[in-house]
Each structure stands twice: as structure tokens, then as C-alpha cells.
PDB file of N, CA and C in Angstrom:
ATOM      1  N   MET A   1      10.371 -13.252  14.888  1.00  0.00           N
ATOM      2  CA  MET A   1      10.020 -12.686  13.595  1.00  0.00           C
ATOM      3  C   MET A   1       8.619 -12.085  13.682  1.00  0.00           C
ATOM      4  N   LYS A   2       8.462 -10.969  13.003  1.00  0.00           N
ATOM      5  CA  LYS A   2       7.178 -10.269  12.962  1.00  0.00           C
ATOM      6  C   LYS A   2       6.830  -9.946  11.518  1.00  0.00           C
ATOM      7  N   LYS A   3       5.546  -9.978  11.232  1.00  0.00           N
ATOM      8  CA  LYS A   3       5.062  -9.605   9.908  1.00  0.00           C
ATOM      9  C   LYS A   3       4.439  -8.219  10.000  1.00  0.00           C
ATOM     10  N   ILE A   4       4.869  -7.340   9.113  1.00  0.00           N
ATOM     11  CA  ILE A   4       4.322  -5.987   9.034  1.00  0.00           C
ATOM     12  C   ILE A   4       3.581  -5.868   7.711  1.00  0.00           C
ATOM     13  N   GLU A   5       2.350  -5.408   7.772  1.00  0.00           N
ATOM     14  CA  GLU A   5       1.559  -5.172   6.573  1.00  0.00           C
ATOM     15  C   GLU A   5       1.196  -3.695   6.521  1.00  0.00           C
ATOM     16  N   ALA A   6       1.279  -3.128   5.337  1.00  0.00           N
ATOM     17  CA  ALA A   6       0.908  -1.720   5.156  1.00  0.00           C
ATOM     18  C   ALA A   6       0.136  -1.582   3.854  1.00  0.00           C
ATOM     19  N   ILE A   7      -0.892  -0.756   3.881  1.00  0.00           N
ATOM     20  CA  ILE A   7      -1.655  -0.427   2.684  1.00  0.00           C
ATOM     21  C   ILE A   7      -1.335   1.031   2.358  1.00  0.00           C
ATOM     22  N   ILE A   8      -0.831   1.262   1.148  1.00  0.00           N
ATOM     23  CA  ILE A   8      -0.416   2.610   0.756  1.00  0.00           C
ATOM     24  C   ILE A   8      -1.017   2.982  -0.594  1.00  0.00           C
ATOM     25  N   LYS A   9      -0.934   4.262  -0.920  1.00  0.00           N
ATOM     26  CA  LYS A   9      -1.353   4.721  -2.239  1.00  0.00           C
ATOM     27  C   LYS A   9      -0.288   4.291  -3.248  1.00  0.00           C
ATOM     28  N   PRO A  10      -0.706   3.905  -4.451  1.00  0.00           N
ATOM     29  CA  PRO A  10       0.260   3.390  -5.435  1.00  0.00           C
ATOM     30  C   PRO A  10       1.436   4.316  -5.721  1.00  0.00           C
ATOM     31  N   PHE A  11       1.227   5.620  -5.752  1.00  0.00           N
ATOM     32  CA  PHE A  11       2.315   6.534  -6.097  1.00  0.00           C
ATOM     33  C   PHE A  11       3.365   6.641  -4.995  1.00  0.00           C
ATOM     34  N   LYS A  12       3.095   6.098  -3.809  1.00  0.00           N
ATOM     35  CA  LYS A  12       4.044   6.144  -2.700  1.00  0.00           C
ATOM     36  C   LYS A  12       4.982   4.938  -2.665  1.00  0.00           C
ATOM     37  N   LEU A  13       4.778   3.960  -3.531  1.00  0.00           N
ATOM     38  CA  LEU A  13       5.553   2.721  -3.474  1.00  0.00           C
ATOM     39  C   LEU A  13       7.052   2.964  -3.589  1.00  0.00           C
ATOM     40  N   ASP A  14       7.481   3.766  -4.538  1.00  0.00           N
ATOM     41  CA  ASP A  14       8.920   4.007  -4.710  1.00  0.00           C
ATOM     42  C   ASP A  14       9.532   4.672  -3.476  1.00  0.00           C
ATOM     43  N   ASP A  15       8.812   5.621  -2.886  1.00  0.00           N
ATOM     44  CA  ASP A  15       9.313   6.290  -1.679  1.00  0.00           C
ATOM     45  C   ASP A  15       9.455   5.306  -0.521  1.00  0.00           C
ATOM     46  N   VAL A  16       8.456   4.452  -0.347  1.00  0.00           N
ATOM     47  CA  VAL A  16       8.498   3.466   0.737  1.00  0.00           C
ATOM     48  C   VAL A  16       9.629   2.474   0.496  1.00  0.00           C
ATOM     49  N   LYS A  17       9.774   2.025  -0.740  1.00  0.00           N
ATOM     50  CA  LYS A  17      10.841   1.072  -1.073  1.00  0.00           C
ATOM     51  C   LYS A  17      12.215   1.677  -0.782  1.00  0.00           C
ATOM     52  N   GLU A  18      12.427   2.919  -1.177  1.00  0.00           N
ATOM     53  CA  GLU A  18      13.708   3.586  -0.916  1.00  0.00           C
ATOM     54  C   GLU A  18      13.964   3.737   0.578  1.00  0.00           C
ATOM     55  N   ALA A  19      12.930   4.100   1.328  1.00  0.00           N
ATOM     56  CA  ALA A  19      13.082   4.258   2.778  1.00  0.00           C
ATOM     57  C   ALA A  19      13.439   2.926   3.432  1.00  0.00           C
ATOM     58  N   LEU A  20      12.797   1.853   2.999  1.00  0.00           N
ATOM     59  CA  LEU A  20      13.099   0.535   3.563  1.00  0.00           C
ATOM     60  C   LEU A  20      14.510   0.082   3.183  1.00  0.00           C
ATOM     61  N   ASN A  21      14.905   0.326   1.946  1.00  0.00           N
ATOM     62  CA  ASN A  21      16.274  -0.005   1.535  1.00  0.00           C
ATOM     63  C   ASN A  21      17.284   0.768   2.371  1.00  0.00           C
ATOM     64  N   GLY A  22      16.948   1.998   2.715  1.00  0.00           N
ATOM     65  CA  GLY A  22      17.837   2.834   3.509  1.00  0.00           C
ATOM     66  C   GLY A  22      18.088   2.314   4.915  1.00  0.00           C
ATOM     67  N   ILE A  23      17.164   1.507   5.432  1.00  0.00           N
ATOM     68  CA  ILE A  23      17.361   0.934   6.771  1.00  0.00           C
ATOM     69  C   ILE A  23      17.705  -0.549   6.710  1.00  0.00           C
ATOM     70  N   GLY A  24      18.049  -1.015   5.502  1.00  0.00           N
ATOM     71  CA  GLY A  24      18.538  -2.381   5.371  1.00  0.00           C
ATOM     72  C   GLY A  24      17.505  -3.440   5.053  1.00  0.00           C
ATOM     73  N   ILE A  25      16.278  -3.051   4.766  1.00  0.00           N
ATOM     74  CA  ILE A  25      15.245  -4.021   4.391  1.00  0.00           C
ATOM     75  C   ILE A  25      15.305  -4.186   2.879  1.00  0.00           C
ATOM     76  N   LYS A  26      15.661  -5.372   2.433  1.00  0.00           N
ATOM     77  CA  LYS A  26      15.866  -5.599   1.002  1.00  0.00           C
ATOM     78  C   LYS A  26      14.736  -6.375   0.340  1.00  0.00           C
ATOM     79  N   GLY A  27      13.889  -7.034   1.119  1.00  0.00           N
ATOM     80  CA  GLY A  27      12.838  -7.846   0.524  1.00  0.00           C
ATOM     81  C   GLY A  27      11.468  -7.494   1.056  1.00  0.00           C
ATOM     82  N   MET A  28      10.481  -7.587   0.181  1.00  0.00           N
ATOM     83  CA  MET A  28       9.095  -7.351   0.575  1.00  0.00           C
ATOM     84  C   MET A  28       8.191  -7.993  -0.464  1.00  0.00           C
ATOM     85  N   THR A  29       6.965  -8.237  -0.082  1.00  0.00           N
ATOM     86  CA  THR A  29       5.956  -8.710  -1.015  1.00  0.00           C
ATOM     87  C   THR A  29       5.020  -7.548  -1.291  1.00  0.00           C
ATOM     88  N   VAL A  30       4.758  -7.294  -2.569  1.00  0.00           N
ATOM     89  CA  VAL A  30       3.906  -6.183  -2.973  1.00  0.00           C
ATOM     90  C   VAL A  30       2.731  -6.749  -3.765  1.00  0.00           C
ATOM     91  N   SER A  31       1.520  -6.359  -3.372  1.00  0.00           N
ATOM     92  CA  SER A  31       0.305  -6.816  -4.050  1.00  0.00           C
ATOM     93  C   SER A  31      -0.559  -5.621  -4.406  1.00  0.00           C
ATOM     94  N   GLU A  32      -1.211  -5.702  -5.561  1.00  0.00           N
ATOM     95  CA  GLU A  32      -2.183  -4.678  -5.932  1.00  0.00           C
ATOM     96  C   GLU A  32      -3.517  -5.080  -5.326  1.00  0.00           C
ATOM     97  N   VAL A  33      -4.125  -4.173  -4.572  1.00  0.00           N
ATOM     98  CA  VAL A  33      -5.410  -4.437  -3.928  1.00  0.00           C
ATOM     99  C   VAL A  33      -6.331  -3.245  -4.175  1.00  0.00           C
ATOM    100  N   LYS A  34      -7.584  -3.392  -3.785  1.00  0.00           N
ATOM    101  CA  LYS A  34      -8.540  -2.293  -3.861  1.00  0.00           C
ATOM    102  C   LYS A  34      -9.215  -2.159  -2.514  1.00  0.00           C
ATOM    103  N   GLY A  35      -9.562  -0.934  -2.155  1.00  0.00           N
ATOM    104  CA  GLY A  35     -10.222  -0.729  -0.878  1.00  0.00           C
ATOM    105  C   GLY A  35     -10.936   0.607  -0.834  1.00  0.00           C
ATOM    106  N   TYR A  36     -11.673   0.797   0.245  1.00  0.00           N
ATOM    107  CA  TYR A  36     -12.316   2.089   0.463  1.00  0.00           C
ATOM    108  C   TYR A  36     -12.377   2.365   1.948  1.00  0.00           C
ATOM    109  N   GLY A  37     -12.539   3.605   2.281  1.00  0.00           N
ATOM    110  CA  GLY A  37     -12.550   4.012   3.682  1.00  0.00           C
ATOM    111  C   GLY A  37     -12.635   5.520   3.767  1.00  0.00           C
ATOM    112  N   ARG A  38     -11.640   6.125   4.403  1.00  0.00           N
ATOM    113  CA  ARG A  38     -11.646   7.585   4.562  1.00  0.00           C
ATOM    114  C   ARG A  38     -11.630   8.303   3.228  1.00  0.00           C
ATOM    115  N   GLN A  39     -10.879   7.765   2.283  1.00  0.00           N
ATOM    116  CA  GLN A  39     -10.878   8.365   0.950  1.00  0.00           C
ATOM    117  C   GLN A  39     -12.212   8.048   0.301  1.00  0.00           C
ATOM    118  N   LYS A  40     -12.860   9.049  -0.179  1.00  0.00           N
ATOM    119  CA  LYS A  40     -14.130   8.819  -0.856  1.00  0.00           C
ATOM    120  C   LYS A  40     -13.842   8.344  -2.266  1.00  0.00           C
ATOM    121  N   GLY A  41     -14.762   7.582  -2.803  1.00  0.00           N
ATOM    122  CA  GLY A  41     -14.614   7.104  -4.172  1.00  0.00           C
ATOM    123  C   GLY A  41     -14.746   8.263  -5.152  1.00  0.00           C
ATOM    124  N   HIS A  42     -14.787   7.933  -6.394  1.00  0.00           N
ATOM    125  CA  HIS A  42     -14.946   8.949  -7.422  1.00  0.00           C
ATOM    126  C   HIS A  42     -15.925   8.424  -8.461  1.00  0.00           C
ATOM    127  N   THR A  43     -16.385   9.304  -9.322  1.00  0.00           N
ATOM    128  CA  THR A  43     -17.315   8.881 -10.360  1.00  0.00           C
ATOM    129  C   THR A  43     -16.583   8.774 -11.682  1.00  0.00           C
ATOM    130  N   GLU A  44     -17.042   7.832 -12.484  1.00  0.00           N
ATOM    131  CA  GLU A  44     -16.520   7.654 -13.832  1.00  0.00           C
ATOM    132  C   GLU A  44     -17.701   7.572 -14.780  1.00  0.00           C
ATOM    133  N   ILE A  45     -17.461   7.936 -16.008  1.00  0.00           N
ATOM    134  CA  ILE A  45     -18.513   7.860 -17.016  1.00  0.00           C
ATOM    135  C   ILE A  45     -18.166   6.731 -17.975  1.00  0.00           C
ATOM    136  N   TYR A  46     -19.123   5.826 -18.151  1.00  0.00           N
ATOM    137  CA  TYR A  46     -18.945   4.696 -19.056  1.00  0.00           C
ATOM    138  C   TYR A  46     -20.165   4.636 -19.959  1.00  0.00           C
ATOM    139  N   ARG A  47     -19.951   4.780 -21.238  1.00  0.00           N
ATOM    140  CA  ARG A  47     -21.018   4.760 -22.238  1.00  0.00           C
ATOM    141  C   ARG A  47     -22.142   5.740 -21.897  1.00  0.00           C
ATOM    142  N   GLY A  48     -21.749   6.902 -21.459  1.00  0.00           N
ATOM    143  CA  GLY A  48     -22.710   7.955 -21.185  1.00  0.00           C
ATOM    144  C   GLY A  48     -23.377   7.897 -19.826  1.00  0.00           C
ATOM    145  N   ALA A  49     -23.137   6.854 -19.068  1.00  0.00           N
ATOM    146  CA  ALA A  49     -23.734   6.734 -17.735  1.00  0.00           C
ATOM    147  C   ALA A  49     -22.663   6.984 -16.679  1.00  0.00           C
ATOM    148  N   GLU A  50     -23.051   7.640 -15.603  1.00  0.00           N
ATOM    149  CA  GLU A  50     -22.116   7.955 -14.523  1.00  0.00           C
ATOM    150  C   GLU A  50     -22.186   6.869 -13.455  1.00  0.00           C
ATOM    151  N   TYR A  51     -21.021   6.378 -13.033  1.00  0.00           N
ATOM    152  CA  TYR A  51     -20.938   5.326 -12.026  1.00  0.00           C
ATOM    153  C   TYR A  51     -20.062   5.785 -10.868  1.00  0.00           C
ATOM    154  N   LEU A  52     -20.474   5.432  -9.664  1.00  0.00           N
ATOM    155  CA  LEU A  52     -19.665   5.709  -8.486  1.00  0.00           C
ATOM    156  C   LEU A  52     -18.696   4.550  -8.291  1.00  0.00           C
ATOM    157  N   VAL A  53     -17.411   4.858  -8.220  1.00  0.00           N
ATOM    158  CA  VAL A  53     -16.381   3.850  -7.994  1.00  0.00           C
ATOM    159  C   VAL A  53     -15.955   3.969  -6.534  1.00  0.00           C
ATOM    160  N   ASP A  54     -16.424   3.024  -5.703  1.00  0.00           N
ATOM    161  CA  ASP A  54     -16.109   3.058  -4.273  1.00  0.00           C
ATOM    162  C   ASP A  54     -14.704   2.553  -3.987  1.00  0.00           C
ATOM    163  N   PHE A  55     -14.319   1.478  -4.654  1.00  0.00           N
ATOM    164  CA  PHE A  55     -13.028   0.850  -4.383  1.00  0.00           C
ATOM    165  C   PHE A  55     -11.934   1.551  -5.178  1.00  0.00           C
ATOM    166  N   LEU A  56     -10.905   1.976  -4.469  1.00  0.00           N
ATOM    167  CA  LEU A  56      -9.785   2.666  -5.100  1.00  0.00           C
ATOM    168  C   LEU A  56      -8.562   1.757  -5.101  1.00  0.00           C
ATOM    169  N   PRO A  57      -7.707   1.869  -6.122  1.00  0.00           N
ATOM    170  CA  PRO A  57      -6.504   1.026  -6.167  1.00  0.00           C
ATOM    171  C   PRO A  57      -5.534   1.380  -5.047  1.00  0.00           C
ATOM    172  N   LYS A  58      -4.981   0.359  -4.441  1.00  0.00           N
ATOM    173  CA  LYS A  58      -4.013   0.507  -3.347  1.00  0.00           C
ATOM    174  C   LYS A  58      -2.886  -0.495  -3.563  1.00  0.00           C
ATOM    175  N   ILE A  59      -1.841  -0.346  -2.787  1.00  0.00           N
ATOM    176  CA  ILE A  59      -0.724  -1.286  -2.776  1.00  0.00           C
ATOM    177  C   ILE A  59      -0.596  -1.843  -1.363  1.00  0.00           C
ATOM    178  N   LYS A  60      -0.500  -3.160  -1.262  1.00  0.00           N
ATOM    179  CA  LYS A  60      -0.286  -3.810   0.033  1.00  0.00           C
ATOM    180  C   LYS A  60       1.152  -4.302   0.079  1.00  0.00           C
ATOM    181  N   ILE A  61       1.856  -3.899   1.123  1.00  0.00           N
ATOM    182  CA  ILE A  61       3.245  -4.310   1.322  1.00  0.00           C
ATOM    183  C   ILE A  61       3.299  -5.224   2.535  1.00  0.00           C
ATOM    184  N   GLU A  62       3.976  -6.360   2.384  1.00  0.00           N
ATOM    185  CA  GLU A  62       4.176  -7.285   3.493  1.00  0.00           C
ATOM    186  C   GLU A  62       5.672  -7.481   3.690  1.00  0.00           C
ATOM    187  N   ILE A  63       6.114  -7.349   4.934  1.00  0.00           N
ATOM    188  CA  ILE A  63       7.534  -7.452   5.262  1.00  0.00           C
ATOM    189  C   ILE A  63       7.673  -8.337   6.489  1.00  0.00           C
ATOM    190  N   ILE A  64       8.637  -9.239   6.471  1.00  0.00           N
ATOM    191  CA  ILE A  64       8.960 -10.059   7.635  1.00  0.00           C
ATOM    192  C   ILE A  64      10.285  -9.554   8.189  1.00  0.00           C
ATOM    193  N   VAL A  65      10.277  -9.183   9.471  1.00  0.00           N
ATOM    194  CA  VAL A  65      11.489  -8.652  10.102  1.00  0.00           C
ATOM    195  C   VAL A  65      11.682  -9.294  11.468  1.00  0.00           C
ATOM    196  N   ALA A  66      12.890  -9.170  11.986  1.00  0.00           N
ATOM    197  CA  ALA A  66      13.162  -9.608  13.358  1.00  0.00           C
ATOM    198  C   ALA A  66      12.381  -8.706  14.309  1.00  0.00           C
ATOM    199  N   ALA A  67      11.995  -9.246  15.445  1.00  0.00           N
ATOM    200  CA  ALA A  67      11.174  -8.506  16.407  1.00  0.00           C
ATOM    201  C   ALA A  67      11.816  -7.187  16.826  1.00  0.00           C
ATOM    202  N   ASP A  68      13.135  -7.150  16.901  1.00  0.00           N
ATOM    203  CA  ASP A  68      13.800  -5.920  17.336  1.00  0.00           C
ATOM    204  C   ASP A  68      13.867  -4.852  16.237  1.00  0.00           C
ATOM    205  N   GLN A  69      13.456  -5.179  15.011  1.00  0.00           N
ATOM    206  CA  GLN A  69      13.468  -4.212  13.909  1.00  0.00           C
ATOM    207  C   GLN A  69      12.115  -3.542  13.688  1.00  0.00           C
ATOM    208  N   VAL A  70      11.077  -4.012  14.367  1.00  0.00           N
ATOM    209  CA  VAL A  70       9.719  -3.528  14.096  1.00  0.00           C
ATOM    210  C   VAL A  70       9.612  -2.016  14.248  1.00  0.00           C
ATOM    211  N   ASP A  71      10.075  -1.465  15.344  1.00  0.00           N
ATOM    212  CA  ASP A  71       9.958  -0.021  15.558  1.00  0.00           C
ATOM    213  C   ASP A  71      10.709   0.778  14.499  1.00  0.00           C
ATOM    214  N   THR A  72      11.853   0.289  14.073  1.00  0.00           N
ATOM    215  CA  THR A  72      12.636   0.972  13.040  1.00  0.00           C
ATOM    216  C   THR A  72      11.891   0.978  11.713  1.00  0.00           C
ATOM    217  N   VAL A  73      11.289  -0.147  11.354  1.00  0.00           N
ATOM    218  CA  VAL A  73      10.589  -0.267  10.078  1.00  0.00           C
ATOM    219  C   VAL A  73       9.330   0.593  10.061  1.00  0.00           C
ATOM    220  N   ILE A  74       8.602   0.581  11.146  1.00  0.00           N
ATOM    221  CA  ILE A  74       7.348   1.347  11.190  1.00  0.00           C
ATOM    222  C   ILE A  74       7.655   2.829  11.216  1.00  0.00           C
TER     223      ILE A  74
END
């Protein structure tokens, strides 16, 4: 058994779920997380002051599969 973890943009969740269902993966754990990296943050205005928001919302997917399914899932 192998654990696969992926961090994706929230709007991609339905596409990833459909793709996994298409190859027979029916279960996964989905968590809302925040992170930063290559994507630059953005600024928001709160009560007239501008703030830099470094952490962006992401979705973390965790899947447990048999070792021989890893290449197919990835």
C-alpha cells in the first residue's frame, strides 16, 4: 500500500475527483489547507488598509492505493 498526497487549487477538485473515479479510485480524504510558493499572494483591503495575503487556499487530497496502482493514479 502507498499513500499519495496532492495539493491542488480548490477549483480543480471536481476534475480530479472525476478522473480518479474514472480509474476506479472511489475514496479519498480531502482537507482545506493554506500555502504559498510559486503562486504569489494577493492584496486585500480591510477597513481602508491594504494587506498582503501570502497564504492562498488550497485543497489537500490523500489517497491510499495498492503499490501497483501508483503510476496509474499519478
